[in-house]
Amino acid sequence: MCAEKDPANCHRALLVCRALRSYSINILHILEDTSLENHSITENRLLKLHKLEHPDIFSSKNDRILEAYDRAISSL
């Protein structure tokens, strides 16, 4: 459990969930208002935060998600 309000800024979400995403498990984050957010929503928000949400011909969505993780981790 973390104290960060936003899982997109949480080292556990960025490190642990990055590894867990390759398994068939449902990852949920408890948000500040006690609602739950599916990790796929968190990843989509990561894409937007790092301006990688738009498809391009050079990288897949998964490639862009991994790039967003890298950028987020480097800014911690």
C-alpha atoms as a PDB file:
ATOM      1  CA  MET A   1       0.000   0.000   0.000  1.00  0.00           C
ATOM      2  CA  CYS A   2       1.159   3.504  -0.793  1.00  0.00           C
ATOM      3  CA  ALA A   3       0.299   6.954   0.427  1.00  0.00           C
ATOM      4  CA  GLU A   4       0.471   8.565  -3.024  1.00  0.00           C
ATOM      5  CA  LYS A   5      -2.832  10.005  -4.155  1.00  0.00           C
ATOM      6  CA  ASP A   6      -2.313   9.023  -7.776  1.00  0.00           C
ATOM      7  CA  PRO A   7      -1.034   5.596  -8.865  1.00  0.00           C
ATOM      8  CA  ALA A   8       0.483   7.230 -11.952  1.00  0.00           C
ATOM      9  CA  ASN A   9       2.995   8.821  -9.569  1.00  0.00           C
ATOM     10  CA  CYS A  10       3.458   5.819  -7.295  1.00  0.00           C
ATOM     11  CA  HIS A  11       6.739   3.925  -7.409  1.00  0.00           C
ATOM     12  CA  ARG A  12       4.927   0.658  -6.628  1.00  0.00           C
ATOM     13  CA  ALA A  13       2.523   1.126  -9.529  1.00  0.00           C
ATOM     14  CA  LEU A  14       5.384   2.087 -11.831  1.00  0.00           C
ATOM     15  CA  LEU A  15       7.724  -0.717 -10.793  1.00  0.00           C
ATOM     16  CA  VAL A  16       5.677  -3.607  -9.408  1.00  0.00           C
ATOM     17  CA  CYS A  17       2.613  -3.268 -11.622  1.00  0.00           C
ATOM     18  CA  ARG A  18       4.834  -2.933 -14.664  1.00  0.00           C
ATOM     19  CA  ALA A  19       6.095  -6.451 -13.914  1.00  0.00           C
ATOM     20  CA  LEU A  20       2.687  -7.815 -12.903  1.00  0.00           C
ATOM     21  CA  ARG A  21       0.940  -6.589 -16.061  1.00  0.00           C
ATOM     22  CA  SER A  22       2.336  -9.541 -18.019  1.00  0.00           C
ATOM     23  CA  TYR A  23       0.259 -11.950 -15.903  1.00  0.00           C
ATOM     24  CA  SER A  24      -3.469 -12.524 -16.259  1.00  0.00           C
ATOM     25  CA  ILE A  25      -4.436 -10.735 -13.073  1.00  0.00           C
ATOM     26  CA  ASN A  26      -6.726  -7.797 -12.470  1.00  0.00           C
ATOM     27  CA  ILE A  27      -4.713  -4.983 -10.892  1.00  0.00           C
ATOM     28  CA  LEU A  28      -6.790  -2.375  -9.077  1.00  0.00           C
ATOM     29  CA  HIS A  29      -5.608   0.829  -7.428  1.00  0.00           C
ATOM     30  CA  ILE A  30      -7.391   2.430  -4.476  1.00  0.00           C
ATOM     31  CA  LEU A  31      -7.689   6.119  -5.224  1.00  0.00           C
ATOM     32  CA  GLU A  32      -7.796   9.010  -2.768  1.00  0.00           C
ATOM     33  CA  ASP A  33     -11.618   9.063  -2.824  1.00  0.00           C
ATOM     34  CA  THR A  34     -11.631   5.278  -2.081  1.00  0.00           C
ATOM     35  CA  SER A  35     -12.826   4.394  -5.591  1.00  0.00           C
ATOM     36  CA  LEU A  36     -10.984   1.715  -7.564  1.00  0.00           C
ATOM     37  CA  GLU A  37      -9.112   2.240 -10.810  1.00  0.00           C
ATOM     38  CA  ASN A  38      -8.152  -0.610 -13.102  1.00  0.00           C
ATOM     39  CA  HIS A  39      -4.459  -0.553 -13.967  1.00  0.00           C
ATOM     40  CA  SER A  40      -5.250  -0.312 -17.678  1.00  0.00           C
ATOM     41  CA  ILE A  41      -6.864   3.081 -16.943  1.00  0.00           C
ATOM     42  CA  THR A  42      -3.728   4.082 -15.026  1.00  0.00           C
ATOM     43  CA  GLU A  43      -1.620   3.093 -18.046  1.00  0.00           C
ATOM     44  CA  ASN A  44      -3.827   5.166 -20.357  1.00  0.00           C
ATOM     45  CA  ARG A  45      -3.372   8.137 -18.031  1.00  0.00           C
ATOM     46  CA  LEU A  46       0.399   7.531 -18.058  1.00  0.00           C
ATOM     47  CA  LEU A  47       0.313   7.703 -21.850  1.00  0.00           C
ATOM     48  CA  LYS A  48      -1.481  11.057 -21.703  1.00  0.00           C
ATOM     49  CA  LEU A  49       0.795  12.433 -18.981  1.00  0.00           C
ATOM     50  CA  HIS A  50       3.834  11.708 -21.145  1.00  0.00           C
ATOM     51  CA  LYS A  51       2.217  12.751 -24.434  1.00  0.00           C
ATOM     52  CA  LEU A  52       2.335   9.226 -25.865  1.00  0.00           C
ATOM     53  CA  GLU A  53      -1.392   8.560 -26.225  1.00  0.00           C
ATOM     54  CA  HIS A  54      -1.568   8.979 -29.997  1.00  0.00           C
ATOM     55  CA  PRO A  55      -0.850   5.924 -32.158  1.00  0.00           C
ATOM     56  CA  ASP A  56       2.033   6.112 -34.558  1.00  0.00           C
ATOM     57  CA  ILE A  57       3.451   3.837 -37.226  1.00  0.00           C
ATOM     58  CA  PHE A  58       6.755   3.344 -35.415  1.00  0.00           C
ATOM     59  CA  SER A  59       5.591   1.871 -32.097  1.00  0.00           C
ATOM     60  CA  SER A  60       2.802  -0.280 -30.753  1.00  0.00           C
ATOM     61  CA  LYS A  61       0.614   0.788 -27.848  1.00  0.00           C
ATOM     62  CA  ASN A  62       2.583  -1.572 -25.622  1.00  0.00           C
ATOM     63  CA  ASP A  63       5.850   0.065 -26.732  1.00  0.00           C
ATOM     64  CA  ARG A  64       4.402   3.483 -25.901  1.00  0.00           C
ATOM     65  CA  ILE A  65       3.203   2.239 -22.493  1.00  0.00           C
ATOM     66  CA  LEU A  66       6.686   0.931 -21.692  1.00  0.00           C
ATOM     67  CA  GLU A  67       8.158   4.276 -22.762  1.00  0.00           C
ATOM     68  CA  ALA A  68       5.670   6.051 -20.474  1.00  0.00           C
ATOM     69  CA  TYR A  69       6.784   3.818 -17.578  1.00  0.00           C
ATOM     70  CA  ASP A  70      10.425   4.688 -18.312  1.00  0.00           C
ATOM     71  CA  ARG A  71       9.691   8.396 -18.398  1.00  0.00           C
ATOM     72  CA  ALA A  72       7.618   8.272 -15.213  1.00  0.00           C
ATOM     73  CA  ILE A  73      10.277   6.288 -13.349  1.00  0.00           C
ATOM     74  CA  SER A  74      13.036   8.664 -14.430  1.00  0.00           C
ATOM     75  CA  SER A  75      11.050  11.596 -13.050  1.00  0.00           C
ATOM     76  CA  LEU A  76      10.586  10.060  -9.569  1.00  0.00           C
END
